[in-house]
Amino acid sequence: MIANLQQTVDFYSVVLGFEIKMSSPEWAYLIKGNCEIMFQPAKTLLKEFPELTTAKMNEWLKQFTYRIDIHWSLLIVAGSLTLIVALLVVGFQAIKAAATNPVNALRNE
């Protein structure tokens, strides 16, 4: 992770002799011989890996006086209930669509 992409690319290309193969505002791909390097700023990397953001957020939340801990089983129960409700709704709609007669549906349009 780097802080300033343009400054790093300039250093590698001017001082170390790397060739800029591909570049965009969010990343740069440099090559020299058989050495290939890809740089990406820290802020774009945090978008791609939410685990890093979660760790940073947990550090920030530790400074507050009032806090609660949520047990992992609560997250499992909530996710399971959400999955069950979604499967029931989709299953009911699929059965309802399969049971209707297409001729009646076209006749009502």
N, C-alpha and C. Protein backbone atom coordinates (compact mmCIF):
# COMPACT_ATOMS: atom_id res chain seq x y z
N MET A 1 0.85 -1.17 0.00
CA MET A 1 0.00 0.00 0.00
C MET A 1 0.89 1.23 0.00
N ILE A 2 0.52 2.18 -0.81
CA ILE A 2 1.28 3.42 -0.91
C ILE A 2 0.34 4.58 -0.69
N ALA A 3 0.91 5.72 -0.29
CA ALA A 3 0.10 6.91 -0.03
C ALA A 3 -0.10 7.74 -1.29
N ASN A 4 0.97 7.95 -2.06
CA ASN A 4 0.90 8.81 -3.23
C ASN A 4 1.34 8.01 -4.46
N LEU A 5 0.42 7.68 -5.32
CA LEU A 5 0.70 6.84 -6.47
C LEU A 5 1.63 7.54 -7.46
N GLN A 6 1.34 8.80 -7.79
CA GLN A 6 2.13 9.50 -8.79
C GLN A 6 3.59 9.66 -8.36
N GLN A 7 3.79 9.97 -7.10
CA GLN A 7 5.15 10.14 -6.58
C GLN A 7 5.92 8.81 -6.62
N THR A 8 5.27 7.73 -6.29
CA THR A 8 5.91 6.42 -6.32
C THR A 8 6.25 5.99 -7.74
N VAL A 9 5.33 6.20 -8.67
CA VAL A 9 5.57 5.85 -10.07
C VAL A 9 6.72 6.68 -10.63
N ASP A 10 6.74 7.97 -10.31
CA ASP A 10 7.85 8.83 -10.77
C ASP A 10 9.18 8.33 -10.24
N PHE A 11 9.23 7.94 -8.98
CA PHE A 11 10.47 7.46 -8.38
C PHE A 11 10.95 6.19 -9.08
N TYR A 12 10.05 5.24 -9.26
CA TYR A 12 10.43 3.97 -9.87
C TYR A 12 10.82 4.13 -11.34
N SER A 13 10.15 5.02 -12.06
CA SER A 13 10.46 5.17 -13.48
C SER A 13 11.70 6.04 -13.70
N VAL A 14 11.87 7.13 -12.97
CA VAL A 14 13.01 8.03 -13.19
C VAL A 14 14.26 7.51 -12.51
N VAL A 15 14.17 7.19 -11.23
CA VAL A 15 15.36 6.83 -10.46
C VAL A 15 15.77 5.38 -10.71
N LEU A 16 14.82 4.46 -10.70
CA LEU A 16 15.16 3.04 -10.81
C LEU A 16 15.07 2.50 -12.24
N GLY A 17 14.55 3.27 -13.18
CA GLY A 17 14.53 2.87 -14.57
C GLY A 17 13.42 1.93 -14.98
N PHE A 18 12.34 1.86 -14.23
CA PHE A 18 11.21 1.02 -14.60
C PHE A 18 10.42 1.68 -15.72
N GLU A 19 9.80 0.86 -16.57
CA GLU A 19 8.97 1.35 -17.66
C GLU A 19 7.52 1.23 -17.24
N ILE A 20 6.73 2.28 -17.48
CA ILE A 20 5.31 2.26 -17.15
C ILE A 20 4.59 1.49 -18.25
N LYS A 21 4.11 0.30 -17.91
CA LYS A 21 3.43 -0.55 -18.89
C LYS A 21 1.97 -0.13 -19.03
N MET A 22 1.27 0.00 -17.91
CA MET A 22 -0.12 0.45 -17.90
C MET A 22 -0.32 1.31 -16.67
N SER A 23 -1.25 2.27 -16.76
CA SER A 23 -1.47 3.14 -15.62
C SER A 23 -2.88 3.71 -15.67
N SER A 24 -3.41 3.99 -14.50
CA SER A 24 -4.70 4.68 -14.36
C SER A 24 -4.63 5.48 -13.07
N PRO A 25 -5.63 6.29 -12.78
CA PRO A 25 -5.59 7.04 -11.51
C PRO A 25 -5.63 6.15 -10.27
N GLU A 26 -6.07 4.89 -10.42
CA GLU A 26 -6.21 4.01 -9.27
C GLU A 26 -5.10 2.98 -9.13
N TRP A 27 -4.26 2.77 -10.17
CA TRP A 27 -3.20 1.78 -10.09
C TRP A 27 -2.16 2.05 -11.18
N ALA A 28 -1.00 1.44 -11.03
CA ALA A 28 0.05 1.54 -12.03
C ALA A 28 0.78 0.21 -12.12
N TYR A 29 1.15 -0.18 -13.33
CA TYR A 29 1.84 -1.43 -13.58
C TYR A 29 3.18 -1.10 -14.23
N LEU A 30 4.28 -1.40 -13.54
CA LEU A 30 5.62 -1.08 -14.02
C LEU A 30 6.38 -2.37 -14.31
N ILE A 31 7.33 -2.28 -15.26
CA ILE A 31 8.10 -3.46 -15.65
C ILE A 31 9.54 -3.05 -15.93
N LYS A 32 10.47 -3.92 -15.52
CA LYS A 32 11.89 -3.74 -15.84
C LYS A 32 12.50 -5.13 -15.93
N GLY A 33 12.84 -5.53 -17.15
CA GLY A 33 13.37 -6.87 -17.34
C GLY A 33 12.31 -7.91 -17.03
N ASN A 34 12.62 -8.80 -16.10
CA ASN A 34 11.63 -9.80 -15.71
C ASN A 34 10.96 -9.45 -14.38
N CYS A 35 11.16 -8.23 -13.92
CA CYS A 35 10.54 -7.76 -12.67
C CYS A 35 9.31 -6.93 -13.00
N GLU A 36 8.18 -7.33 -12.47
CA GLU A 36 6.93 -6.62 -12.70
C GLU A 36 6.36 -6.19 -11.35
N ILE A 37 5.93 -4.93 -11.27
CA ILE A 37 5.40 -4.39 -10.02
C ILE A 37 4.08 -3.68 -10.31
N MET A 38 3.12 -3.89 -9.44
CA MET A 38 1.84 -3.17 -9.54
C MET A 38 1.63 -2.40 -8.25
N PHE A 39 1.34 -1.12 -8.38
CA PHE A 39 1.10 -0.26 -7.23
C PHE A 39 -0.36 0.17 -7.21
N GLN A 40 -0.88 0.28 -5.97
CA GLN A 40 -2.25 0.71 -5.79
C GLN A 40 -2.31 1.55 -4.52
N PRO A 41 -2.95 2.72 -4.56
CA PRO A 41 -3.04 3.54 -3.34
C PRO A 41 -3.85 2.84 -2.25
N ALA A 42 -3.58 3.24 -1.02
CA ALA A 42 -4.23 2.60 0.13
C ALA A 42 -5.74 2.76 0.11
N LYS A 43 -6.23 3.94 -0.31
CA LYS A 43 -7.68 4.15 -0.25
C LYS A 43 -8.43 3.27 -1.23
N THR A 44 -7.86 2.99 -2.41
CA THR A 44 -8.54 2.08 -3.34
C THR A 44 -8.42 0.64 -2.88
N LEU A 45 -7.35 0.33 -2.17
CA LEU A 45 -7.17 -1.02 -1.65
C LEU A 45 -8.18 -1.29 -0.54
N LEU A 46 -8.49 -0.27 0.27
CA LEU A 46 -9.47 -0.45 1.34
C LEU A 46 -10.87 -0.69 0.78
N LYS A 47 -11.17 -0.15 -0.41
CA LYS A 47 -12.46 -0.42 -1.03
C LYS A 47 -12.58 -1.88 -1.45
N GLU A 48 -11.47 -2.45 -1.90
CA GLU A 48 -11.50 -3.82 -2.39
C GLU A 48 -11.45 -4.86 -1.29
N PHE A 49 -10.84 -4.51 -0.15
CA PHE A 49 -10.71 -5.45 0.96
C PHE A 49 -11.37 -4.87 2.20
N PRO A 50 -12.67 -5.14 2.40
CA PRO A 50 -13.37 -4.57 3.54
C PRO A 50 -12.84 -5.05 4.89
N GLU A 51 -12.08 -6.18 4.89
CA GLU A 51 -11.52 -6.66 6.16
C GLU A 51 -10.57 -5.63 6.75
N LEU A 52 -9.82 -4.95 5.89
CA LEU A 52 -8.90 -3.92 6.37
C LEU A 52 -9.67 -2.75 6.98
N THR A 53 -10.78 -2.38 6.36
CA THR A 53 -11.60 -1.30 6.87
C THR A 53 -12.23 -1.69 8.20
N THR A 54 -12.65 -2.94 8.33
CA THR A 54 -13.25 -3.40 9.57
C THR A 54 -12.25 -3.34 10.72
N ALA A 55 -11.02 -3.74 10.48
CA ALA A 55 -10.00 -3.67 11.53
C ALA A 55 -9.75 -2.23 11.94
N LYS A 56 -9.70 -1.32 10.98
CA LYS A 56 -9.49 0.10 11.27
C LYS A 56 -10.68 0.66 12.05
N MET A 57 -11.89 0.26 11.68
CA MET A 57 -13.08 0.72 12.38
C MET A 57 -13.10 0.21 13.82
N ASN A 58 -12.71 -1.04 14.03
CA ASN A 58 -12.68 -1.59 15.39
C ASN A 58 -11.70 -0.83 16.27
N GLU A 59 -10.55 -0.45 15.72
CA GLU A 59 -9.60 0.36 16.50
C GLU A 59 -10.21 1.70 16.88
N TRP A 60 -10.95 2.32 15.94
CA TRP A 60 -11.57 3.61 16.21
C TRP A 60 -12.67 3.48 17.26
N LEU A 61 -13.45 2.38 17.21
CA LEU A 61 -14.55 2.20 18.15
C LEU A 61 -14.09 1.90 19.57
N LYS A 62 -12.87 1.40 19.74
CA LYS A 62 -12.36 1.07 21.07
C LYS A 62 -12.19 2.30 21.96
N GLN A 63 -12.13 3.50 21.37
CA GLN A 63 -11.91 4.70 22.17
C GLN A 63 -13.18 5.20 22.87
N PHE A 64 -14.35 4.67 22.49
CA PHE A 64 -15.60 5.11 23.10
C PHE A 64 -15.84 4.40 24.43
N THR A 65 -16.45 5.12 25.36
CA THR A 65 -16.70 4.59 26.69
C THR A 65 -17.80 3.53 26.68
N TYR A 66 -18.90 3.83 26.01
CA TYR A 66 -20.04 2.91 25.98
C TYR A 66 -19.95 2.05 24.72
N ARG A 67 -19.85 0.77 24.94
CA ARG A 67 -19.82 -0.14 23.80
C ARG A 67 -20.38 -1.50 24.23
N ILE A 68 -20.85 -2.24 23.24
CA ILE A 68 -21.39 -3.57 23.51
C ILE A 68 -20.67 -4.55 22.59
N ASP A 69 -20.61 -5.77 23.03
CA ASP A 69 -20.04 -6.83 22.21
C ASP A 69 -21.18 -7.69 21.68
N ILE A 70 -21.15 -7.94 20.39
CA ILE A 70 -22.16 -8.79 19.77
C ILE A 70 -21.53 -10.16 19.57
N HIS A 71 -22.16 -11.17 20.13
CA HIS A 71 -21.64 -12.52 20.02
C HIS A 71 -21.81 -13.02 18.59
N TRP A 72 -20.89 -13.85 18.13
CA TRP A 72 -20.91 -14.33 16.75
C TRP A 72 -22.15 -15.16 16.44
N SER A 73 -22.73 -15.80 17.46
CA SER A 73 -23.91 -16.64 17.21
C SER A 73 -25.11 -15.80 16.80
N LEU A 74 -25.19 -14.56 17.27
CA LEU A 74 -26.28 -13.68 16.88
C LEU A 74 -26.21 -13.38 15.38
N LEU A 75 -25.02 -13.19 14.86
CA LEU A 75 -24.86 -12.95 13.43
C LEU A 75 -25.25 -14.18 12.61
N ILE A 76 -24.92 -15.37 13.12
CA ILE A 76 -25.29 -16.61 12.43
C ILE A 76 -26.80 -16.77 12.41
N VAL A 77 -27.45 -16.50 13.52
CA VAL A 77 -28.91 -16.63 13.61
C VAL A 77 -29.58 -15.63 12.66
N ALA A 78 -29.12 -14.39 12.65
CA ALA A 78 -29.71 -13.37 11.78
C ALA A 78 -29.52 -13.74 10.31
N GLY A 79 -28.33 -14.18 9.95
CA GLY A 79 -28.08 -14.59 8.56
C GLY A 79 -28.92 -15.78 8.16
N SER A 80 -29.07 -16.75 9.06
CA SER A 80 -29.88 -17.94 8.77
C SER A 80 -31.35 -17.59 8.58
N LEU A 81 -31.87 -16.73 9.46
CA LEU A 81 -33.27 -16.32 9.32
C LEU A 81 -33.50 -15.57 8.01
N THR A 82 -32.57 -14.73 7.64
CA THR A 82 -32.68 -13.99 6.37
C THR A 82 -32.69 -14.96 5.20
N LEU A 83 -31.82 -15.95 5.23
CA LEU A 83 -31.75 -16.94 4.16
C LEU A 83 -33.03 -17.77 4.09
N ILE A 84 -33.57 -18.16 5.23
CA ILE A 84 -34.80 -18.96 5.26
C ILE A 84 -35.97 -18.16 4.70
N VAL A 85 -36.10 -16.90 5.11
CA VAL A 85 -37.20 -16.07 4.61
C VAL A 85 -37.07 -15.88 3.10
N ALA A 86 -35.86 -15.62 2.62
CA ALA A 86 -35.65 -15.44 1.18
C ALA A 86 -36.00 -16.71 0.41
N LEU A 87 -35.58 -17.86 0.90
CA LEU A 87 -35.90 -19.12 0.22
C LEU A 87 -37.40 -19.41 0.23
N LEU A 88 -38.07 -19.09 1.33
CA LEU A 88 -39.52 -19.29 1.39
C LEU A 88 -40.25 -18.40 0.40
N VAL A 89 -39.86 -17.14 0.33
CA VAL A 89 -40.54 -16.21 -0.58
C VAL A 89 -40.31 -16.62 -2.03
N VAL A 90 -39.06 -16.91 -2.39
CA VAL A 90 -38.76 -17.32 -3.76
C VAL A 90 -39.42 -18.65 -4.09
N GLY A 91 -39.40 -19.58 -3.17
CA GLY A 91 -40.03 -20.88 -3.40
C GLY A 91 -41.53 -20.75 -3.59
N PHE A 92 -42.18 -19.93 -2.76
CA PHE A 92 -43.62 -19.74 -2.89
C PHE A 92 -43.96 -19.12 -4.23
N GLN A 93 -43.20 -18.10 -4.64
CA GLN A 93 -43.47 -17.46 -5.94
C GLN A 93 -43.21 -18.43 -7.10
N ALA A 94 -42.19 -19.29 -6.98
CA ALA A 94 -41.91 -20.26 -8.04
C ALA A 94 -43.03 -21.28 -8.15
N ILE A 95 -43.53 -21.76 -7.02
CA ILE A 95 -44.64 -22.73 -7.03
C ILE A 95 -45.90 -22.09 -7.59
N LYS A 96 -46.14 -20.84 -7.21
CA LYS A 96 -47.31 -20.12 -7.71
C LYS A 96 -47.23 -19.93 -9.23
N ALA A 97 -46.05 -19.59 -9.73
CA ALA A 97 -45.88 -19.40 -11.17
C ALA A 97 -46.00 -20.72 -11.92
N ALA A 98 -45.51 -21.81 -11.33
CA ALA A 98 -45.58 -23.12 -11.99
C ALA A 98 -47.01 -23.65 -12.01
N ALA A 99 -47.82 -23.28 -11.01
CA ALA A 99 -49.18 -23.81 -10.92
C ALA A 99 -50.17 -23.07 -11.81
N THR A 100 -49.85 -21.87 -12.23
CA THR A 100 -50.81 -21.12 -13.05
C THR A 100 -50.79 -21.61 -14.49
N ASN A 101 -51.90 -21.48 -15.11
CA ASN A 101 -52.04 -21.88 -16.51
C ASN A 101 -51.62 -20.70 -17.39
N PRO A 102 -50.67 -20.88 -18.31
CA PRO A 102 -50.22 -19.76 -19.13
C PRO A 102 -51.32 -19.20 -20.03
N VAL A 103 -52.26 -20.03 -20.40
CA VAL A 103 -53.36 -19.56 -21.26
C VAL A 103 -54.20 -18.52 -20.51
N ASN A 104 -54.48 -18.78 -19.24
CA ASN A 104 -55.24 -17.82 -18.44
C ASN A 104 -54.48 -16.52 -18.25
N ALA A 105 -53.18 -16.62 -18.10
CA ALA A 105 -52.38 -15.41 -17.93
C ALA A 105 -52.41 -14.57 -19.20
N LEU A 106 -52.34 -15.20 -20.37
CA LEU A 106 -52.38 -14.46 -21.63
C LEU A 106 -53.78 -13.91 -21.91
N ARG A 107 -54.80 -14.65 -21.49
CA ARG A 107 -56.17 -14.22 -21.70
C ARG A 107 -56.47 -12.96 -20.90
N ASN A 108 -55.88 -12.83 -19.71
CA ASN A 108 -56.13 -11.66 -18.85
C ASN A 108 -55.35 -10.44 -19.26
N GLU A 109 -54.34 -10.58 -20.12
CA GLU A 109 -53.58 -9.41 -20.56
C GLU A 109 -54.34 -8.70 -21.59
